[in-house]
Protein backbone atom coordinates (compact mmCIF):
# COMPACT_ATOMS: atom_id res chain seq x y z
CA MET A 1 -6.70 -2.75 3.17
CA SER A 2 -5.20 -4.94 5.92
CA ARG A 3 -1.66 -6.34 5.53
CA LEU A 4 -1.72 -10.13 5.61
CA VAL A 5 1.01 -12.75 5.69
CA GLU A 6 0.28 -16.46 5.56
CA CYS A 7 2.35 -18.85 7.66
CA VAL A 8 2.31 -22.60 6.97
CA PRO A 9 4.39 -24.45 9.58
CA ASN A 10 4.76 -28.22 9.11
CA PHE A 11 5.16 -30.16 12.36
CA SER A 12 6.34 -33.76 12.61
CA GLU A 13 3.29 -35.17 14.36
CA GLY A 14 0.22 -36.52 12.62
CA ASN A 15 -1.25 -39.02 15.07
CA ASN A 16 -1.22 -37.71 18.63
CA GLN A 17 -4.35 -35.54 18.78
CA GLU A 18 -3.32 -33.92 22.07
CA VAL A 19 -0.10 -32.64 20.54
CA ILE A 20 -1.86 -31.53 17.35
CA GLU A 21 -4.48 -29.63 19.36
CA ALA A 22 -1.90 -28.07 21.68
CA ILE A 23 -0.05 -26.58 18.70
CA SER A 24 -3.37 -25.38 17.24
CA GLN A 25 -4.25 -23.63 20.48
CA ALA A 26 -0.82 -21.99 20.63
CA VAL A 27 -1.64 -20.30 17.30
CA VAL A 28 -5.27 -19.52 18.15
CA ARG A 29 -4.28 -17.81 21.40
CA THR A 30 -1.80 -15.53 19.65
CA PRO A 31 -3.38 -12.06 19.25
CA GLY A 32 -3.85 -11.12 15.61
CA CYS A 33 -3.51 -14.66 14.23
CA VAL A 34 -6.38 -16.47 12.50
CA LEU A 35 -6.00 -20.23 12.14
CA LEU A 36 -7.50 -21.23 8.78
CA ASP A 37 -6.70 -24.90 8.38
CA VAL A 38 -5.17 -27.90 10.15
CA ASP A 39 -4.35 -30.84 7.87
CA THR A 40 -3.14 -34.02 9.56
CA GLY A 41 -1.58 -37.07 7.91
CA PRO A 42 -1.33 -40.28 9.93
CA SER A 43 0.93 -42.13 7.46
CA THR A 44 3.13 -39.09 6.87
CA ASN A 45 3.03 -38.42 10.63
CA ARG A 46 2.89 -34.73 9.85
CA THR A 47 0.47 -31.86 10.36
CA VAL A 48 0.30 -28.74 8.22
CA TYR A 49 -1.11 -25.63 9.88
CA THR A 50 -2.22 -22.55 7.96
CA PHE A 51 -2.79 -19.21 9.64
CA VAL A 52 -2.73 -15.54 8.66
CA GLY A 53 -2.17 -12.20 10.31
CA ARG A 54 -0.05 -9.09 10.21
CA PRO A 55 3.69 -9.76 9.75
CA GLU A 56 4.55 -9.19 13.40
CA ASP A 57 1.63 -11.33 14.57
CA VAL A 58 2.41 -14.38 12.44
CA ILE A 59 5.99 -14.36 13.72
CA ASP A 60 4.64 -14.52 17.27
CA GLY A 61 2.13 -17.21 16.27
CA ALA A 62 4.86 -19.37 14.71
CA LEU A 63 7.05 -18.97 17.80
CA ASN A 64 4.22 -19.93 20.12
CA ALA A 65 3.53 -23.02 18.04
CA ALA A 66 7.24 -23.92 18.06
CA ARG A 67 7.39 -23.58 21.86
CA ALA A 68 4.52 -26.04 22.18
CA ALA A 69 6.20 -28.47 19.79
CA PHE A 70 9.50 -28.20 21.67
CA ARG A 71 7.74 -29.46 24.79
CA LEU A 72 5.69 -32.17 23.14
CA ILE A 73 7.50 -33.64 20.09
CA ASP A 74 10.54 -35.91 20.35
CA MET A 75 12.13 -36.59 16.98
CA ARG A 76 13.99 -39.63 18.32
CA ARG A 77 10.70 -41.52 18.12
CA HIS A 78 9.43 -40.10 14.82
CA LYS A 79 8.63 -42.29 11.82
CA GLY A 80 6.61 -41.27 8.76
CA GLU A 81 6.38 -41.33 4.98
CA HIS A 82 7.14 -37.63 4.51
CA PRO A 83 10.75 -36.42 4.36
CA ARG A 84 11.60 -34.43 7.50
CA MET A 85 14.52 -33.18 9.53
CA GLY A 86 12.92 -31.53 12.55
CA ALA A 87 10.00 -31.29 14.95
CA LEU A 88 9.11 -28.03 13.25
CA ASP A 89 10.32 -29.20 9.88
CA VAL A 90 9.62 -26.12 7.79
CA CYS A 91 8.00 -22.75 8.42
CA PRO A 92 7.43 -20.60 5.32
CA PHE A 93 5.99 -17.07 5.20
CA ILE A 94 3.89 -16.16 2.15
CA PRO A 95 2.62 -12.71 1.07
CA VAL A 96 -1.18 -12.62 0.85
CA ARG A 97 -2.23 -8.97 0.74
CA GLY A 98 -0.49 -5.62 1.04
CA VAL A 99 2.86 -7.27 1.84
CA SER A 100 5.92 -7.74 -0.38
CA MET A 101 8.11 -10.82 -0.70
CA GLU A 102 10.93 -8.79 0.84
CA GLU A 103 8.83 -8.26 3.96
CA CYS A 104 8.21 -12.00 4.18
CA VAL A 105 11.96 -12.56 3.96
CA LEU A 106 12.32 -10.26 6.98
CA CYS A 107 9.63 -12.32 8.77
CA ALA A 108 11.61 -15.51 8.14
CA GLN A 109 14.84 -13.92 9.33
CA ALA A 110 13.25 -12.56 12.50
CA PHE A 111 11.50 -15.85 13.24
CA GLY A 112 14.63 -17.93 12.58
CA GLN A 113 16.80 -15.80 14.80
CA ARG A 114 14.34 -15.74 17.69
CA LEU A 115 13.66 -19.49 17.40
CA ALA A 116 17.38 -20.30 17.48
CA GLU A 117 18.11 -17.96 20.37
CA GLU A 118 15.19 -19.09 22.53
CA LEU A 119 15.22 -22.85 21.93
CA GLY A 120 18.89 -23.31 21.05
CA VAL A 121 18.18 -25.20 17.81
CA PRO A 122 19.74 -25.00 14.32
CA VAL A 123 17.75 -23.04 11.75
CA TYR A 124 18.28 -22.80 7.98
CA LEU A 125 16.95 -20.12 5.63
CA TYR A 126 15.50 -21.32 2.31
CA GLY A 127 13.49 -20.06 -0.66
CA GLU A 128 13.56 -16.31 -1.19
CA ALA A 129 15.25 -15.94 2.22
CA ALA A 130 18.18 -18.23 1.34
CA GLN A 131 21.62 -16.72 1.89
CA THR A 132 23.28 -19.04 -0.64
CA ALA A 133 22.08 -20.66 -3.86
CA SER A 134 22.72 -24.16 -2.47
CA ARG A 135 20.06 -23.60 0.20
CA ARG A 136 17.34 -22.20 -2.01
CA THR A 137 15.37 -25.44 -2.33
CA LEU A 138 14.00 -27.37 0.62
CA PRO A 139 14.99 -30.85 -0.67
CA ALA A 140 18.64 -29.68 -0.81
CA ILE A 141 18.58 -28.58 2.83
CA ARG A 142 16.63 -31.64 3.95
CA ALA A 143 18.83 -34.17 2.08
CA GLY A 144 19.55 -37.11 4.37
CA GLU A 145 16.72 -36.00 6.66
CA TYR A 146 16.85 -36.08 10.45
CA GLU A 147 19.08 -39.14 10.54
CA ALA A 148 21.90 -37.39 8.64
CA LEU A 149 21.97 -34.28 10.83
CA PRO A 150 24.62 -35.41 13.37
CA GLU A 151 27.26 -35.66 10.64
CA LYS A 152 25.86 -32.93 8.41
CA LEU A 153 26.06 -30.31 11.15
CA LYS A 154 29.80 -30.98 11.52
CA GLN A 155 30.40 -29.83 7.94
CA ALA A 156 31.25 -26.16 7.50
CA GLU A 157 29.09 -25.83 4.38
CA TRP A 158 26.07 -26.92 6.42
CA ALA A 159 26.52 -24.60 9.36
CA PRO A 160 23.04 -23.26 10.17
CA ASP A 161 22.10 -19.65 9.45
CA PHE A 162 20.98 -19.28 13.06
CA GLY A 163 21.67 -21.35 16.16
CA PRO A 164 24.30 -23.93 17.06
CA SER A 165 26.10 -26.32 14.73
CA SER A 166 25.33 -29.06 17.20
CA PHE A 167 22.76 -31.83 16.98
CA VAL A 168 19.65 -31.47 19.17
CA PRO A 169 18.25 -35.05 19.20
CA SER A 170 14.73 -34.18 20.38
CA TRP A 171 14.32 -31.40 17.78
CA GLY A 172 16.54 -31.88 14.78
CA ALA A 173 16.63 -28.75 12.63
CA THR A 174 14.17 -26.26 11.13
CA ALA A 175 14.02 -24.55 7.74
CA THR A 176 12.26 -21.20 7.45
CA GLY A 177 11.90 -18.95 4.47
CA ALA A 178 9.69 -16.91 2.16
CA ARG A 179 8.00 -18.17 -0.98
CA LYS A 180 5.04 -17.85 -3.28
CA PHE A 181 1.88 -19.78 -2.54
CA LEU A 182 2.74 -23.49 -2.65
CA ILE A 183 0.06 -26.03 -3.48
CA ALA A 184 0.46 -29.47 -1.91
CA PHE A 185 -1.34 -31.79 -4.34
CA ASN A 186 -1.41 -35.59 -4.14
CA ILE A 187 -2.77 -37.91 -6.83
CA ASN A 188 -4.17 -41.26 -5.65
CA LEU A 189 -3.10 -44.52 -7.29
CA LEU A 190 -4.05 -48.14 -6.76
CA SER A 191 -0.42 -49.17 -6.99
CA THR A 192 2.70 -49.82 -4.98
CA LYS A 193 4.78 -47.09 -3.37
CA GLU A 194 7.57 -47.84 -5.85
CA GLN A 195 5.30 -47.37 -8.88
CA ALA A 196 4.03 -44.05 -7.52
CA HIS A 197 7.60 -42.92 -6.89
CA ARG A 198 8.62 -43.88 -10.44
CA ILE A 199 5.92 -41.55 -11.78
CA ALA A 200 7.01 -38.79 -9.39
CA LEU A 201 10.59 -39.08 -10.66
CA ASN A 202 9.44 -38.74 -14.26
CA LEU A 203 7.38 -35.63 -13.51
CA ARG A 204 9.20 -33.57 -10.88
CA GLU A 205 11.59 -30.92 -12.14
CA GLN A 206 14.54 -32.51 -10.34
CA GLY A 207 13.82 -35.82 -12.06
CA ARG A 208 16.39 -38.49 -11.28
CA GLY A 209 19.27 -36.02 -11.23
CA ALA A 210 20.97 -33.39 -13.36
CA ASP A 211 21.34 -35.79 -16.32
CA GLN A 212 17.70 -36.98 -16.14
CA PRO A 213 15.46 -34.00 -15.36
CA GLY A 214 11.70 -34.39 -15.08
CA ARG A 215 9.06 -32.84 -17.32
CA LEU A 216 7.28 -30.38 -15.03
CA LYS A 217 8.88 -27.10 -14.03
CA LYS A 218 8.47 -25.80 -10.47
CA VAL A 219 7.20 -29.18 -9.26
CA GLN A 220 8.62 -31.32 -6.47
CA GLY A 221 7.47 -34.91 -6.12
CA ILE A 222 7.76 -38.19 -4.28
CA GLY A 223 5.82 -41.46 -4.16
CA TRP A 224 4.51 -42.95 -0.93
CA TYR A 225 1.89 -45.28 0.47
CA LEU A 226 -0.98 -44.32 2.81
CA GLU A 227 -1.68 -47.34 4.98
CA GLU A 228 -4.85 -45.80 6.44
CA LYS A 229 -6.31 -45.34 2.91
CA ASN A 230 -4.79 -48.48 1.38
CA LEU A 231 -3.49 -46.64 -1.67
CA ALA A 232 -0.36 -44.96 -3.00
CA GLN A 233 0.07 -41.31 -3.89
CA VAL A 234 2.20 -39.26 -6.21
CA SER A 235 2.76 -36.45 -3.73
CA THR A 236 3.67 -33.13 -5.33
CA ASN A 237 4.40 -29.56 -4.35
CA LEU A 238 3.53 -26.97 -6.99
CA LEU A 239 5.98 -24.15 -6.30
CA ASP A 240 4.34 -21.86 -8.85
CA PHE A 241 0.92 -22.88 -10.19
CA GLU A 242 1.17 -20.20 -12.89
CA VAL A 243 4.14 -22.14 -14.35
CA THR A 244 2.74 -25.66 -13.89
CA ALA A 245 -0.97 -25.85 -13.14
CA LEU A 246 -2.97 -28.27 -11.00
CA HIS A 247 -4.64 -29.87 -13.99
CA THR A 248 -1.30 -30.30 -15.74
CA VAL A 249 0.10 -32.31 -12.82
CA TYR A 250 -3.06 -34.41 -12.67
CA GLU A 251 -3.26 -35.07 -16.41
CA GLU A 252 0.44 -35.91 -16.69
CA THR A 253 0.14 -38.30 -13.73
CA CYS A 254 -2.83 -39.96 -15.45
CA ARG A 255 -0.80 -40.32 -18.63
CA GLU A 256 2.11 -41.94 -16.78
CA ALA A 257 -0.26 -44.20 -14.85
CA LYS A 258 -1.99 -45.33 -18.06
CA GLU A 259 1.35 -46.40 -19.52
CA LEU A 260 1.85 -48.59 -16.44
CA SER A 261 -1.78 -49.82 -16.51
CA LEU A 262 -2.40 -48.27 -13.11
CA PRO A 263 -5.76 -46.76 -12.07
CA VAL A 264 -5.91 -43.16 -10.84
CA VAL A 265 -8.61 -42.79 -8.18
CA GLY A 266 -8.86 -39.09 -7.49
CA SER A 267 -6.60 -36.62 -5.78
CA GLN A 268 -6.11 -34.64 -2.58
CA LEU A 269 -5.26 -31.03 -1.79
CA VAL A 270 -3.37 -30.60 1.47
CA GLY A 271 -4.04 -27.28 3.14
CA LEU A 272 -5.44 -24.33 1.22
CA VAL A 273 -5.50 -23.45 -2.45
CA PRO A 274 -5.79 -20.13 -4.33
CA LEU A 275 -9.07 -19.62 -6.17
CA GLN A 276 -7.26 -18.87 -9.42
CA ALA A 277 -5.62 -22.31 -9.44
CA ILE A 278 -9.06 -23.93 -9.35
CA LEU A 279 -10.50 -21.57 -11.96
CA ASP A 280 -7.53 -22.23 -14.28
CA ALA A 281 -8.33 -25.94 -14.07
CA ALA A 282 -11.98 -25.19 -14.81
CA THR A 283 -10.99 -23.28 -17.93
CA PHE A 284 -8.84 -26.20 -19.05
CA TYR A 285 -11.63 -28.77 -18.69
CA CYS A 286 -14.24 -26.49 -20.24
CA GLU A 287 -12.04 -26.04 -23.31
CA LYS A 288 -10.97 -29.67 -23.44
CA GLU A 289 -14.53 -31.00 -23.25
CA ASN A 290 -16.29 -28.08 -24.99
CA LEU A 291 -18.32 -27.31 -21.86
CA PHE A 292 -20.29 -24.15 -21.18
CA VAL A 293 -20.06 -23.41 -17.45
CA LEU A 294 -20.24 -19.79 -16.31
CA GLU A 295 -20.85 -19.56 -12.59
CA GLU A 296 -17.86 -19.70 -10.27
CA GLU A 297 -19.54 -22.18 -7.93
CA GLN A 298 -20.28 -24.55 -10.80
CA ARG A 299 -16.78 -24.22 -12.25
CA ILE A 300 -15.35 -25.19 -8.86
CA ARG A 301 -17.72 -28.17 -8.69
CA LEU A 302 -16.52 -29.25 -12.15
CA VAL A 303 -12.88 -29.22 -11.00
CA VAL A 304 -13.68 -31.13 -7.80
CA ASN A 305 -15.29 -33.78 -9.99
CA ARG A 306 -12.62 -33.94 -12.70
CA LEU A 307 -9.70 -34.06 -10.25
CA GLY A 308 -11.54 -36.24 -7.73
CA LEU A 309 -10.71 -33.82 -4.94
CA ASP A 310 -13.36 -35.37 -2.68
CA SER A 311 -12.11 -38.94 -3.11
CA LEU A 312 -10.54 -39.20 0.37
CA SER A 313 -12.59 -36.60 2.27
CA PRO A 314 -15.22 -33.97 1.44
CA PHE A 315 -13.86 -30.89 -0.34
CA ASN A 316 -15.66 -27.79 0.95
CA PRO A 317 -14.61 -24.75 -1.11
CA LYS A 318 -15.55 -22.35 1.69
CA GLU A 319 -13.03 -24.08 3.95
CA ARG A 320 -10.29 -24.83 1.40
CA ILE A 321 -10.03 -21.81 -0.92
CA ILE A 322 -8.04 -19.07 0.74
CA GLU A 323 -9.93 -16.13 -0.79
CA TYR A 324 -13.14 -17.44 0.75
CA LEU A 325 -11.50 -17.59 4.18
CA VAL A 326 -9.75 -14.22 4.08
CA PRO A 327 -12.15 -11.45 2.98
CA ASP A 328 -10.54 -8.72 0.90
CA ASP A 329 -12.13 -5.78 2.64
CA GLY A 330 -11.39 -6.36 6.30
CA PRO A 331 -14.00 -5.87 9.01
CA GLU A 332 -16.10 -3.36 7.04
CA GLN A 333 -18.72 -4.84 4.74
CA SER A 334 -18.11 -3.97 1.11
CA LEU A 335 -20.68 -1.88 -0.73
CA VAL A 336 -21.58 -4.67 -3.14
CA ASP A 337 -22.20 -7.14 -0.29
CA LYS A 338 -24.85 -4.90 1.25
CA PRO A 339 -28.55 -5.34 0.49
CA LEU A 340 -29.70 -3.15 -2.38
CA CYS A 341 -31.84 -0.97 -0.14
CA ALA A 342 -28.84 -0.36 2.18
CA PHE A 343 -26.63 0.56 -0.78
CA VAL A 344 -29.25 2.97 -2.11
CA ARG A 345 -29.58 4.57 1.34
CA GLU A 346 -25.81 4.93 1.60
CA VAL A 347 -25.66 6.62 -1.80
CA GLY A 348 -28.35 9.04 -0.63
CA ALA A 349 -26.66 9.81 2.69
CA ARG A 350 -24.90 13.06 3.50
CA SER A 351 -21.44 11.83 2.51
CA ALA A 352 -19.39 12.15 -0.65
CA ALA A 353 -18.86 8.41 -1.06
CA PRO A 354 -20.26 6.25 -2.45
CA GLY A 355 -21.02 8.75 -5.18
CA GLY A 356 -21.28 9.04 -8.92
CA GLY A 357 -18.34 6.75 -9.64
CA SER A 358 -19.74 3.85 -7.64
CA VAL A 359 -23.22 4.39 -9.08
CA ALA A 360 -21.79 4.46 -12.62
CA ALA A 361 -20.01 1.16 -11.98
CA ALA A 362 -23.17 -0.36 -10.51
CA SER A 363 -25.21 0.80 -13.51
CA ALA A 364 -22.72 -0.67 -15.97
CA ALA A 365 -22.59 -3.93 -14.00
CA MET A 366 -26.38 -4.18 -14.17
CA GLY A 367 -26.23 -3.54 -17.91
CA ALA A 368 -23.70 -6.32 -18.44
CA SER A 369 -25.78 -8.65 -16.25
CA LEU A 370 -28.94 -7.90 -18.21
CA ALA A 371 -27.17 -8.70 -21.47
CA CYS A 372 -25.90 -11.94 -19.92
CA MET A 373 -29.46 -12.77 -18.84
CA ALA A 374 -30.83 -12.09 -22.33
CA GLY A 375 -28.25 -14.43 -23.79
CA LEU A 376 -29.03 -17.16 -21.26
CA MET A 377 -32.75 -16.79 -21.99
CA THR A 378 -31.88 -17.64 -25.59
CA TYR A 379 -29.34 -20.40 -24.93
CA GLY A 380 -30.50 -23.98 -24.41
CA ARG A 381 -34.08 -23.44 -25.63
CA ARG A 382 -35.34 -25.77 -28.32
CA GLN A 383 -36.62 -23.05 -30.64
CA PHE A 384 -33.21 -21.33 -30.52
CA GLU A 385 -30.94 -24.38 -30.46
CA HIS A 386 -29.40 -23.31 -33.77
CA LEU A 387 -28.01 -20.34 -31.82
CA ASP A 388 -26.40 -22.36 -29.01
CA ALA A 389 -22.89 -22.11 -30.41
CA THR A 390 -23.33 -18.37 -30.95
CA MET A 391 -24.60 -17.84 -27.41
CA ARG A 392 -21.66 -19.77 -26.00
CA ARG A 393 -19.43 -17.14 -27.60
CA LEU A 394 -21.50 -14.07 -26.77
CA ILE A 395 -22.51 -14.69 -23.15
CA PRO A 396 -19.10 -15.09 -21.41
CA PRO A 397 -17.84 -11.51 -22.09
CA PHE A 398 -20.92 -10.09 -20.34
CA HIS A 399 -20.61 -12.52 -17.44
CA LEU A 400 -16.95 -11.60 -16.93
CA ALA A 401 -17.56 -7.87 -17.33
CA ALA A 402 -20.39 -7.93 -14.78
CA ALA A 403 -17.94 -9.23 -12.15
CA GLN A 404 -15.23 -6.73 -13.14
CA LEU A 405 -17.64 -3.79 -13.09
CA THR A 406 -19.13 -4.87 -9.75
CA ALA A 407 -15.65 -4.80 -8.21
CA LEU A 408 -15.25 -1.18 -9.39
CA VAL A 409 -18.14 -0.09 -7.14
CA ASP A 410 -15.92 -0.49 -4.08
CA ARG A 411 -12.70 0.43 -5.86
CA ASP A 412 -14.11 3.83 -6.75
CA ALA A 413 -15.11 4.53 -3.15
CA ARG A 414 -11.67 3.44 -1.92
CA ALA A 415 -9.91 5.61 -4.49
CA PHE A 416 -11.91 8.64 -3.35
CA ALA A 417 -11.10 7.87 0.30
CA ALA A 418 -7.38 7.61 -0.54
CA CYS A 419 -7.49 11.05 -2.18
CA LEU A 420 -9.07 12.55 0.92
CA GLU A 421 -6.42 10.96 3.15
CA ALA A 422 -3.65 12.37 0.96
CA MET A 423 -5.15 15.85 1.19
CA LYS A 424 -5.12 15.60 4.99
CA LEU A 425 -1.35 15.04 5.15
CA PRO A 426 0.65 17.75 6.99
CA ARG A 427 2.22 20.57 4.98
CA SER A 428 4.13 22.60 7.55
CA THR A 429 7.62 22.08 6.06
CA PRO A 430 8.87 21.95 2.46
CA GLU A 431 9.48 18.19 2.83
CA GLU A 432 5.95 17.62 4.11
CA ARG A 433 4.50 19.69 1.30
CA ASP A 434 6.45 17.66 -1.26
CA ARG A 435 5.25 14.38 0.25
CA ARG A 436 1.67 15.63 0.37
CA SER A 437 1.80 16.86 -3.22
CA ALA A 438 3.16 13.52 -4.46
CA ALA A 439 0.52 11.59 -2.50
CA VAL A 440 -2.30 13.80 -3.81
CA GLN A 441 -1.13 13.40 -7.41
CA GLU A 442 -0.93 9.61 -7.01
CA GLY A 443 -4.37 9.59 -5.40
CA LEU A 444 -5.84 11.59 -8.28
CA ARG A 445 -4.30 9.23 -10.82
CA GLN A 446 -5.94 6.30 -9.05
CA ALA A 447 -9.22 8.21 -8.94
CA VAL A 448 -8.92 8.59 -12.73
CA ALA A 449 -7.82 4.98 -13.28
CA VAL A 450 -10.99 3.45 -11.82
CA PRO A 451 -13.57 5.19 -14.06
CA LEU A 452 -11.23 4.83 -17.02
CA ALA A 453 -11.15 1.06 -16.38
CA LEU A 454 -14.95 1.15 -16.23
CA ALA A 455 -15.09 2.89 -19.61
CA GLU A 456 -12.64 0.46 -21.23
CA THR A 457 -14.59 -2.53 -19.90
CA VAL A 458 -17.88 -1.17 -21.25
CA ALA A 459 -16.24 -0.40 -24.60
CA SER A 460 -15.18 -4.04 -24.94
CA LEU A 461 -18.86 -5.08 -24.79
CA TRP A 462 -20.15 -3.19 -27.83
CA PRO A 463 -19.16 -5.86 -30.42
CA PRO A 464 -20.90 -8.78 -28.60
CA LEU A 465 -23.86 -6.53 -27.77
CA GLN A 466 -24.33 -5.69 -31.46
CA LYS A 467 -24.30 -9.39 -32.36
CA LEU A 468 -26.65 -10.25 -29.50
CA ALA A 469 -29.14 -7.61 -30.69
CA LEU A 470 -29.37 -9.39 -34.05
CA CYS A 471 -30.35 -12.79 -32.69
CA VAL A 472 -31.46 -12.58 -29.05
CA ASN A 473 -34.79 -14.06 -27.96
CA LEU A 474 -37.19 -11.18 -28.69
CA ALA A 475 -39.00 -11.84 -25.43
CA CYS A 476 -35.91 -10.17 -23.93
CA ARG A 477 -35.94 -7.19 -26.30
CA SER A 478 -36.75 -4.67 -23.55
CA ASP A 479 -34.12 -6.21 -21.27
CA LEU A 480 -31.43 -5.74 -23.88
CA GLN A 481 -32.61 -2.19 -24.53
CA VAL A 482 -32.27 -1.41 -20.83
CA ALA A 483 -28.87 -3.14 -20.84
CA ALA A 484 -27.65 -0.86 -23.62
CA LYS A 485 -28.79 2.30 -21.84
CA ALA A 486 -27.40 1.11 -18.50
CA LEU A 487 -24.00 0.53 -20.10
CA GLU A 488 -24.22 3.97 -21.71
CA THR A 489 -25.07 5.51 -18.32
CA GLY A 490 -22.02 3.82 -16.86
CA MET A 491 -19.92 5.32 -19.64
CA PHE A 492 -21.33 8.80 -19.02
CA GLY A 493 -20.58 8.42 -15.32
CA ALA A 494 -17.03 7.31 -16.09
CA TYR A 495 -16.55 10.32 -18.39
CA PHE A 496 -17.64 12.86 -15.79
CA ASN A 497 -15.60 11.25 -13.02
CA VAL A 498 -12.46 11.20 -15.15
CA LEU A 499 -12.99 14.87 -15.98
CA ILE A 500 -13.39 16.05 -12.40
CA ASN A 501 -10.28 14.20 -11.20
CA LEU A 502 -8.15 15.24 -14.19
CA ARG A 503 -8.70 18.87 -13.28
CA ASP A 504 -6.09 18.93 -10.49
CA ILE A 505 -3.51 16.61 -12.05
CA SER A 506 -0.30 18.50 -12.85
CA ASP A 507 0.97 16.25 -15.66
CA ASP A 508 -0.39 17.97 -18.78
CA LYS A 509 0.63 15.15 -21.14
CA PHE A 510 -1.23 12.59 -19.02
CA LYS A 511 -4.26 14.89 -18.85
CA ASP A 512 -4.39 15.41 -22.61
CA GLN A 513 -4.00 11.71 -23.43
CA THR A 514 -6.60 10.63 -20.87
CA LEU A 515 -9.10 13.29 -21.93
CA GLN A 516 -8.72 12.31 -25.56
CA ARG A 517 -9.26 8.63 -24.72
CA ILE A 518 -12.31 9.06 -22.49
CA SER A 519 -13.93 11.48 -24.96
CA SER A 520 -13.42 8.97 -27.76
CA LEU A 521 -14.94 6.16 -25.66
CA LEU A 522 -17.98 8.28 -24.81
CA GLN A 523 -18.62 9.23 -28.43
CA GLU A 524 -18.30 5.60 -29.50
CA ALA A 525 -20.76 4.58 -26.77
CA LYS A 526 -23.39 7.00 -28.08
CA THR A 527 -23.01 5.59 -31.59
CA GLN A 528 -23.04 1.95 -30.47
CA VAL A 529 -26.10 2.31 -28.23
CA ALA A 530 -28.09 3.99 -30.98
CA LEU A 531 -27.18 1.15 -33.34
CA VAL A 532 -28.19 -1.53 -30.81
CA LEU A 533 -31.55 0.14 -30.19
CA ASP A 534 -32.18 0.51 -33.93
CA ARG A 535 -31.41 -3.16 -34.58
CA LEU A 536 -33.73 -4.27 -31.82
CA GLU A 537 -36.56 -2.04 -33.06
CA GLU A 538 -36.16 -3.30 -36.63
CA ARG A 539 -36.57 -6.96 -35.66
CA GLN A 540 -40.04 -8.45 -36.05
CA GLU A 541 -41.70 -10.93 -33.72
């Protein structure tokens, strides 16, 4: 799995297309960097770039972009709605895959030091990279903005972490740091800038000050006016969408706007957004409105509609959701993305993987999908409309499990490959033998964990499968029978794969507990499948 860091530099230029393109090209021409998004704002006079790469590559990409900006941006002439203090105002590093927050802190430190040394500009560390608590938040560092820097830099408490304590008029200062994924989310209002800002003050965590905090944790906010769109925005940064979600910010803004008799006319995402943030919003609206929407594509469409994400410009999920832009499996195509005939050929090839574990996961995934299909063939039909509420409860577990089990097809193959790599480690010295032994044991545990997860997932489906067998459209009887046996086959495959990998694990307590659990799950599967088949046979047309 490739190691990926995201870098999201914000430059103080949103109108001059030559400058914007020059900075883009500086990133694109950096080996190992992939530019994902360029979001310009004329009124804010700011452009947000998003690119990914290995830690060392994104540092180079950010430096190349900064060099271009140093030549082309003059802060003495900058005006815009967005708070700013420098030509490269802020440059955060965010862990995406296979990289820790600590490694992103090192990226920020390396970038900040090199930027200061090469360009001779003041640089501050913020977020997880902050050296002092007073510099942890960006608004604290940016207080007073560019115009306050000449005096601010004279104060000892505001000496930069890197670079001179002297004012560089054409540049200003830069903040760099490490953080979680930040979502820049703006809600559109037909109002004045002042009304939008009043709402932002009520919502943002900082509020109006220590004695008047706002309602939403991990949210920054400001109100501004977009001349080119002829509307105001409550502009927010969600510092942790798991603490305060997209839909929460939108709904709370709507509530505030209603109290002021102000119309909300959609919203805008700046830059990229994690898939989970969109799916969390979909779950909220499905529950709020009692909607039954299963497919990921349709759930995303629902959120785009409810939040009005396409109100200012088209919202293309394939260009705006980071998981769709950064494949999880690198250059090699995953097993589940291959055509069925290619997957079957690969299983039958003279190689140990994909093997029984991947096939077991594929079988179980097909079983869950068949059960989902049988439920959907019952749901929404006039002769079965009395079962609609029941189907709404029974179908989602199969839909979710099908996706989870499908993912295990590749996970099993990767776990096997990791075991093989561990076994190839050198063992010439006692230290090497110890390292190899530890790596092999960890690899075997992972090789056990995947089929055990398969078995637990299948086990969770027996209760809804029993209920489905009692009421499913009998035209799908054979489909549900096949589903039951496919799930059972997946369980058998999980059992045998756990057994073969347990054999060489040295922890006897772990072996005994795991063997007891997988044996219990297999026995339960046999009982449950027999019961499902009996119930289906007993039902009359």
